[in-house]
N, C-alpha and C. Protein backbone atom coordinates (compact mmCIF):
# COMPACT_ATOMS: atom_id res chain seq x y z
N MET A 1 -53.21 -32.82 280.21
CA MET A 1 -53.60 -31.78 279.60
C MET A 1 -53.35 -30.13 280.44
N GLU A 2 -52.78 -29.62 280.41
CA GLU A 2 -53.16 -28.05 280.82
C GLU A 2 -54.01 -27.47 280.65
N LYS A 3 -54.21 -26.76 282.33
CA LYS A 3 -55.53 -26.06 283.12
C LYS A 3 -55.58 -25.11 281.61
N LYS A 4 -56.31 -24.56 280.94
CA LYS A 4 -56.45 -22.84 280.15
C LYS A 4 -56.59 -22.33 281.35
N GLU A 5 -55.34 -20.63 280.58
CA GLU A 5 -55.48 -19.58 281.89
C GLU A 5 -57.81 -19.08 281.47
N SER A 6 -57.97 -18.47 282.25
CA SER A 6 -59.01 -17.56 282.30
C SER A 6 -59.45 -16.50 281.95
N VAL A 7 -59.99 -15.53 281.44
CA VAL A 7 -60.09 -14.22 281.50
C VAL A 7 -59.13 -13.62 282.50
N LEU A 8 -60.37 -14.16 283.82
CA LEU A 8 -59.04 -13.23 284.94
C LEU A 8 -58.66 -13.30 285.07
N GLU A 9 -57.67 -13.94 284.98
CA GLU A 9 -57.00 -14.65 285.09
C GLU A 9 -55.74 -14.30 284.27
N GLU A 10 -55.62 -14.38 282.96
CA GLU A 10 -54.95 -13.77 282.38
C GLU A 10 -54.53 -12.29 282.65
N ALA A 11 -55.93 -11.63 282.54
CA ALA A 11 -56.52 -9.92 282.48
C ALA A 11 -55.31 -10.06 283.82
N HIS A 12 -55.38 -10.25 285.13
CA HIS A 12 -54.96 -9.68 286.60
C HIS A 12 -53.56 -11.12 286.09
N ARG A 13 -52.86 -11.69 285.29
CA ARG A 13 -51.37 -11.52 285.10
C ARG A 13 -50.79 -10.01 284.82
N LEU A 14 -51.81 -10.02 283.42
CA LEU A 14 -50.87 -7.87 282.13
C LEU A 14 -51.51 -7.23 283.41
N VAL A 15 -51.89 -7.16 283.77
CA VAL A 15 -52.25 -5.57 284.56
C VAL A 15 -51.19 -5.99 285.76
N GLY A 16 -50.81 -6.98 286.46
CA GLY A 16 -50.28 -6.22 287.67
C GLY A 16 -48.93 -7.00 286.17
N GLY A 17 -48.26 -7.78 285.18
CA GLY A 17 -46.94 -8.17 284.86
C GLY A 17 -46.50 -6.77 283.38
N ALA A 18 -46.67 -8.43 282.72
CA ALA A 18 -46.05 -6.98 281.09
C ALA A 18 -46.74 -6.03 280.92
N ARG A 19 -48.09 -5.04 281.46
CA ARG A 19 -47.94 -4.50 280.48
C ARG A 19 -47.98 -3.51 282.29
N GLN A 20 -47.52 -3.13 283.78
CA GLN A 20 -46.29 -2.75 284.11
C GLN A 20 -45.93 -2.40 284.57
N GLY A 21 -44.74 -3.58 284.01
CA GLY A 21 -43.69 -3.35 282.81
C GLY A 21 -43.20 -2.27 282.09
N HIS A 22 -44.19 -2.42 280.66
CA HIS A 22 -44.37 -1.19 280.09
C HIS A 22 -44.57 -0.13 280.31
N TYR A 23 -46.04 0.48 281.39
CA TYR A 23 -46.82 1.78 281.51
C TYR A 23 -46.71 1.98 282.73
N GLY A 24 -46.16 0.83 283.42
CA GLY A 24 -45.75 1.54 285.58
C GLY A 24 -47.07 1.27 285.96
N PRO A 25 -47.38 0.88 286.81
CA PRO A 25 -48.69 0.78 287.47
C PRO A 25 -49.56 1.65 287.25
N PRO A 26 -51.05 0.41 287.22
CA PRO A 26 -52.21 1.24 286.91
C PRO A 26 -52.62 2.24 287.63
N GLU A 27 -52.01 2.35 289.34
CA GLU A 27 -52.87 3.32 290.09
C GLU A 27 -51.70 4.88 289.81
N ASP A 28 -50.42 4.82 289.23
CA ASP A 28 -49.69 5.51 289.10
C ASP A 28 -49.21 5.78 287.20
N ASN A 29 -50.18 5.58 286.39
CA ASN A 29 -50.40 5.87 284.93
C ASN A 29 -51.91 6.60 284.87
N ILE A 30 -52.87 5.81 285.25
CA ILE A 30 -53.93 6.15 284.67
C ILE A 30 -54.54 7.74 284.67
N PRO A 31 -53.93 7.66 286.96
CA PRO A 31 -54.51 9.03 286.50
C PRO A 31 -53.91 10.42 286.11
N ARG A 32 -52.21 9.96 285.07
CA ARG A 32 -51.58 10.80 284.58
C ARG A 32 -52.52 11.37 283.24
N ILE A 33 -52.21 9.89 282.58
CA ILE A 33 -53.94 9.93 281.47
C ILE A 33 -54.30 10.61 281.71
N ALA A 34 -55.53 10.22 282.58
CA ALA A 34 -56.73 10.85 283.01
C ALA A 34 -56.90 12.54 283.44
N ALA A 35 -55.22 12.56 283.55
CA ALA A 35 -54.95 14.23 284.10
C ALA A 35 -55.24 15.22 282.39
N LEU A 36 -54.51 14.47 281.60
CA LEU A 36 -54.22 14.54 280.33
C LEU A 36 -55.32 14.87 279.37
N TRP A 37 -56.53 13.85 280.03
CA TRP A 37 -57.32 14.16 278.64
C TRP A 37 -58.45 15.02 280.38
N SER A 38 -58.15 15.57 280.28
CA SER A 38 -58.89 16.62 281.49
C SER A 38 -58.27 18.19 280.97
N ALA A 39 -57.13 18.41 281.56
CA ALA A 39 -56.95 18.91 280.18
C ALA A 39 -57.04 19.44 278.94
N SER A 40 -57.06 18.42 277.93
CA SER A 40 -57.92 17.90 276.20
C SER A 40 -59.30 18.56 276.39
N LEU A 41 -59.66 18.44 277.38
CA LEU A 41 -61.29 17.97 277.14
C LEU A 41 -61.89 19.48 278.24
N GLY A 42 -61.54 20.02 278.67
CA GLY A 42 -61.63 21.03 279.64
C GLY A 42 -62.39 20.20 280.59
N VAL A 43 -62.76 19.29 281.33
CA VAL A 43 -63.78 18.88 282.17
C VAL A 43 -62.31 18.16 282.70
N VAL A 44 -62.80 17.69 283.93
CA VAL A 44 -61.90 16.58 284.63
C VAL A 44 -62.67 15.10 284.42
N VAL A 45 -61.98 13.94 283.62
CA VAL A 45 -62.21 13.05 284.33
C VAL A 45 -61.00 12.24 285.86
N SER A 46 -61.34 11.50 285.62
CA SER A 46 -61.14 10.83 287.09
C SER A 46 -60.76 9.87 286.45
N SER A 47 -59.74 8.93 287.39
CA SER A 47 -59.55 7.35 286.97
C SER A 47 -60.43 7.17 286.64
N ARG A 48 -61.23 6.47 287.36
CA ARG A 48 -62.70 5.55 287.21
C ARG A 48 -63.24 5.83 286.29
N GLN A 49 -63.80 7.42 285.33
CA GLN A 49 -64.24 7.59 284.59
C GLN A 49 -63.21 7.37 283.46
N TYR A 50 -62.05 7.30 283.28
CA TYR A 50 -61.22 6.82 282.60
C TYR A 50 -60.80 5.07 282.22
N CYS A 51 -61.18 4.27 283.07
CA CYS A 51 -61.60 3.36 282.38
C CYS A 51 -63.03 2.72 282.19
N ASP A 52 -63.46 3.33 282.95
CA ASP A 52 -65.04 3.24 282.33
C ASP A 52 -64.91 3.70 280.85
N LEU A 53 -64.35 4.38 280.85
CA LEU A 53 -64.18 4.46 278.57
C LEU A 53 -63.86 3.41 278.40
N MET A 54 -62.20 3.38 278.96
CA MET A 54 -61.84 2.47 278.11
C MET A 54 -62.52 0.88 277.97
N ILE A 55 -63.57 0.80 278.61
CA ILE A 55 -64.67 -0.50 279.12
C ILE A 55 -65.54 0.00 278.24
N LEU A 56 -65.88 1.05 277.91
CA LEU A 56 -67.32 1.26 276.32
C LEU A 56 -66.91 1.17 275.55
N MET A 57 -64.94 1.71 275.02
CA MET A 57 -65.01 1.59 273.68
C MET A 57 -64.76 0.09 273.55
N LYS A 58 -64.05 -0.81 274.64
CA LYS A 58 -64.31 -2.02 274.34
C LYS A 58 -65.02 -2.64 273.52
N MET A 59 -66.12 -2.71 274.64
CA MET A 59 -67.63 -2.97 274.36
C MET A 59 -68.28 -2.41 273.24
N GLY A 60 -67.93 -1.35 272.79
CA GLY A 60 -68.21 -0.67 271.53
C GLY A 60 -67.92 -2.20 270.35
N ARG A 61 -66.30 -1.67 270.55
CA ARG A 61 -65.77 -3.06 269.21
C ARG A 61 -66.82 -4.58 269.35
N SER A 62 -66.50 -4.83 270.49
CA SER A 62 -67.12 -5.92 270.44
C SER A 62 -68.74 -6.23 270.18
N ALA A 63 -70.19 -4.96 270.12
CA ALA A 63 -70.84 -4.84 269.26
C ALA A 63 -70.55 -4.57 268.03
N THR A 64 -70.10 -4.73 266.91
CA THR A 64 -69.85 -4.55 265.21
C THR A 64 -70.21 -5.80 265.47
N GLY A 65 -70.86 -7.29 266.08
CA GLY A 65 -70.96 -7.43 265.72
C GLY A 65 -70.25 -8.92 264.62
N GLY A 66 -68.85 -8.66 265.41
CA GLY A 66 -68.33 -9.13 264.83
C GLY A 66 -67.64 -10.99 265.44
N ALA A 67 -66.84 -11.77 265.50
CA ALA A 67 -66.40 -12.84 265.64
C ALA A 67 -66.26 -12.20 267.47
N TYR A 68 -65.50 -13.23 268.50
CA TYR A 68 -65.85 -14.21 269.43
C TYR A 68 -63.89 -13.88 269.75
N LEU A 69 -63.71 -12.38 270.55
CA LEU A 69 -62.30 -11.89 270.34
C LEU A 69 -61.79 -11.55 271.73
N ARG A 70 -60.95 -13.17 272.41
CA ARG A 70 -61.17 -12.78 273.83
C ARG A 70 -60.16 -11.74 274.14
N ASP A 71 -59.14 -11.35 273.87
CA ASP A 71 -58.72 -10.12 273.86
C ASP A 71 -59.45 -8.59 274.46
N THR A 72 -60.30 -8.64 273.74
CA THR A 72 -61.35 -7.92 274.08
C THR A 72 -62.06 -7.99 275.71
N TYR A 73 -62.58 -9.25 275.84
CA TYR A 73 -62.85 -9.51 276.32
C TYR A 73 -61.55 -9.50 278.17
N VAL A 74 -60.23 -9.66 278.01
CA VAL A 74 -59.41 -9.40 279.04
C VAL A 74 -58.89 -8.26 279.30
N ASP A 75 -58.87 -7.47 278.36
CA ASP A 75 -58.64 -5.28 278.94
C ASP A 75 -60.18 -5.74 279.38
N THR A 76 -61.03 -5.93 278.72
CA THR A 76 -61.60 -5.33 279.72
C THR A 76 -61.81 -5.68 280.98
N ALA A 77 -61.90 -6.69 281.59
CA ALA A 77 -61.84 -7.00 282.79
C ALA A 77 -60.40 -6.24 283.54
N GLY A 78 -58.68 -6.18 281.92
CA GLY A 78 -57.74 -5.68 282.41
C GLY A 78 -58.08 -4.29 283.11
N TYR A 79 -59.66 -4.35 283.02
CA TYR A 79 -59.44 -2.10 282.75
C TYR A 79 -60.59 -2.20 283.93
N ALA A 80 -60.79 -2.91 284.91
CA ALA A 80 -62.02 -2.59 285.63
C ALA A 80 -60.63 -3.22 287.37
N LEU A 81 -59.68 -4.35 286.45
CA LEU A 81 -59.63 -4.49 287.33
C LEU A 81 -58.52 -3.47 288.17
N CYS A 82 -58.16 -2.26 287.08
CA CYS A 82 -57.61 -0.99 287.20
C CYS A 82 -58.55 -0.25 287.58
N ALA A 83 -59.32 -0.18 287.57
CA ALA A 83 -60.64 0.17 288.60
C ALA A 83 -60.42 0.27 289.94
N GLU A 84 -60.62 -1.25 290.51
CA GLU A 84 -59.95 -1.37 291.80
C GLU A 84 -58.65 -0.44 292.29
N ARG A 85 -57.11 -1.12 291.94
CA ARG A 85 -55.88 -0.46 292.20
C ARG A 85 -56.43 1.45 292.73
N CYS A 86 -56.25 1.94 290.86
CA CYS A 86 -57.08 3.46 291.44
C CYS A 86 -57.69 3.39 292.32
N ASN A 87 -58.50 3.13 292.59
CA ASN A 87 -59.62 3.11 293.99
C ASN A 87 -59.29 3.24 295.12
N ASP A 88 -57.96 2.11 294.92
CA ASP A 88 -57.38 1.65 296.21
C ASP A 88 -56.11 2.88 296.40
N ALA A 89 -55.88 2.75 295.38
CA ALA A 89 -54.56 3.77 295.88
C ALA A 89 -55.09 5.47 295.62
N GLU A 90 -56.45 6.32 295.01
CA GLU A 90 -56.85 7.20 295.81
C GLU A 90 -57.19 6.53 297.19
N THR A 91 -58.12 6.08 297.94
CA THR A 91 -58.53 6.08 299.37
C THR A 91 -57.11 5.82 299.92
N LEU A 92 -56.53 5.13 299.71
CA LEU A 92 -55.25 5.60 300.95
C LEU A 92 -54.86 6.46 301.18
N GLU A 93 -54.14 7.05 299.89
CA GLU A 93 -54.66 8.92 300.25
C GLU A 93 -55.10 9.70 300.40
N GLY A 94 -56.54 9.55 300.43
CA GLY A 94 -57.34 10.31 300.57
C GLY A 94 -57.69 10.37 301.88
């Protein structure tokens, strides 16, 4: 019997694989989205804040009292990984 992939393993695989293939590396894509949000809202939204807000959105959905949805936790872990990758990229640039 094959070992089931953990939530963290799946998030890592998706962020570095399929989703990166669709949207580009998070350290490139997320700052673009944060800049669009900043322009739309009239306040500065950092890459980390974008990731934090997306995690909050996932947790808000989870708090509705419905059944456990693995995808919610995979995405939450993925956004945490994206926050780290953005932070690392900003640290190298700054």
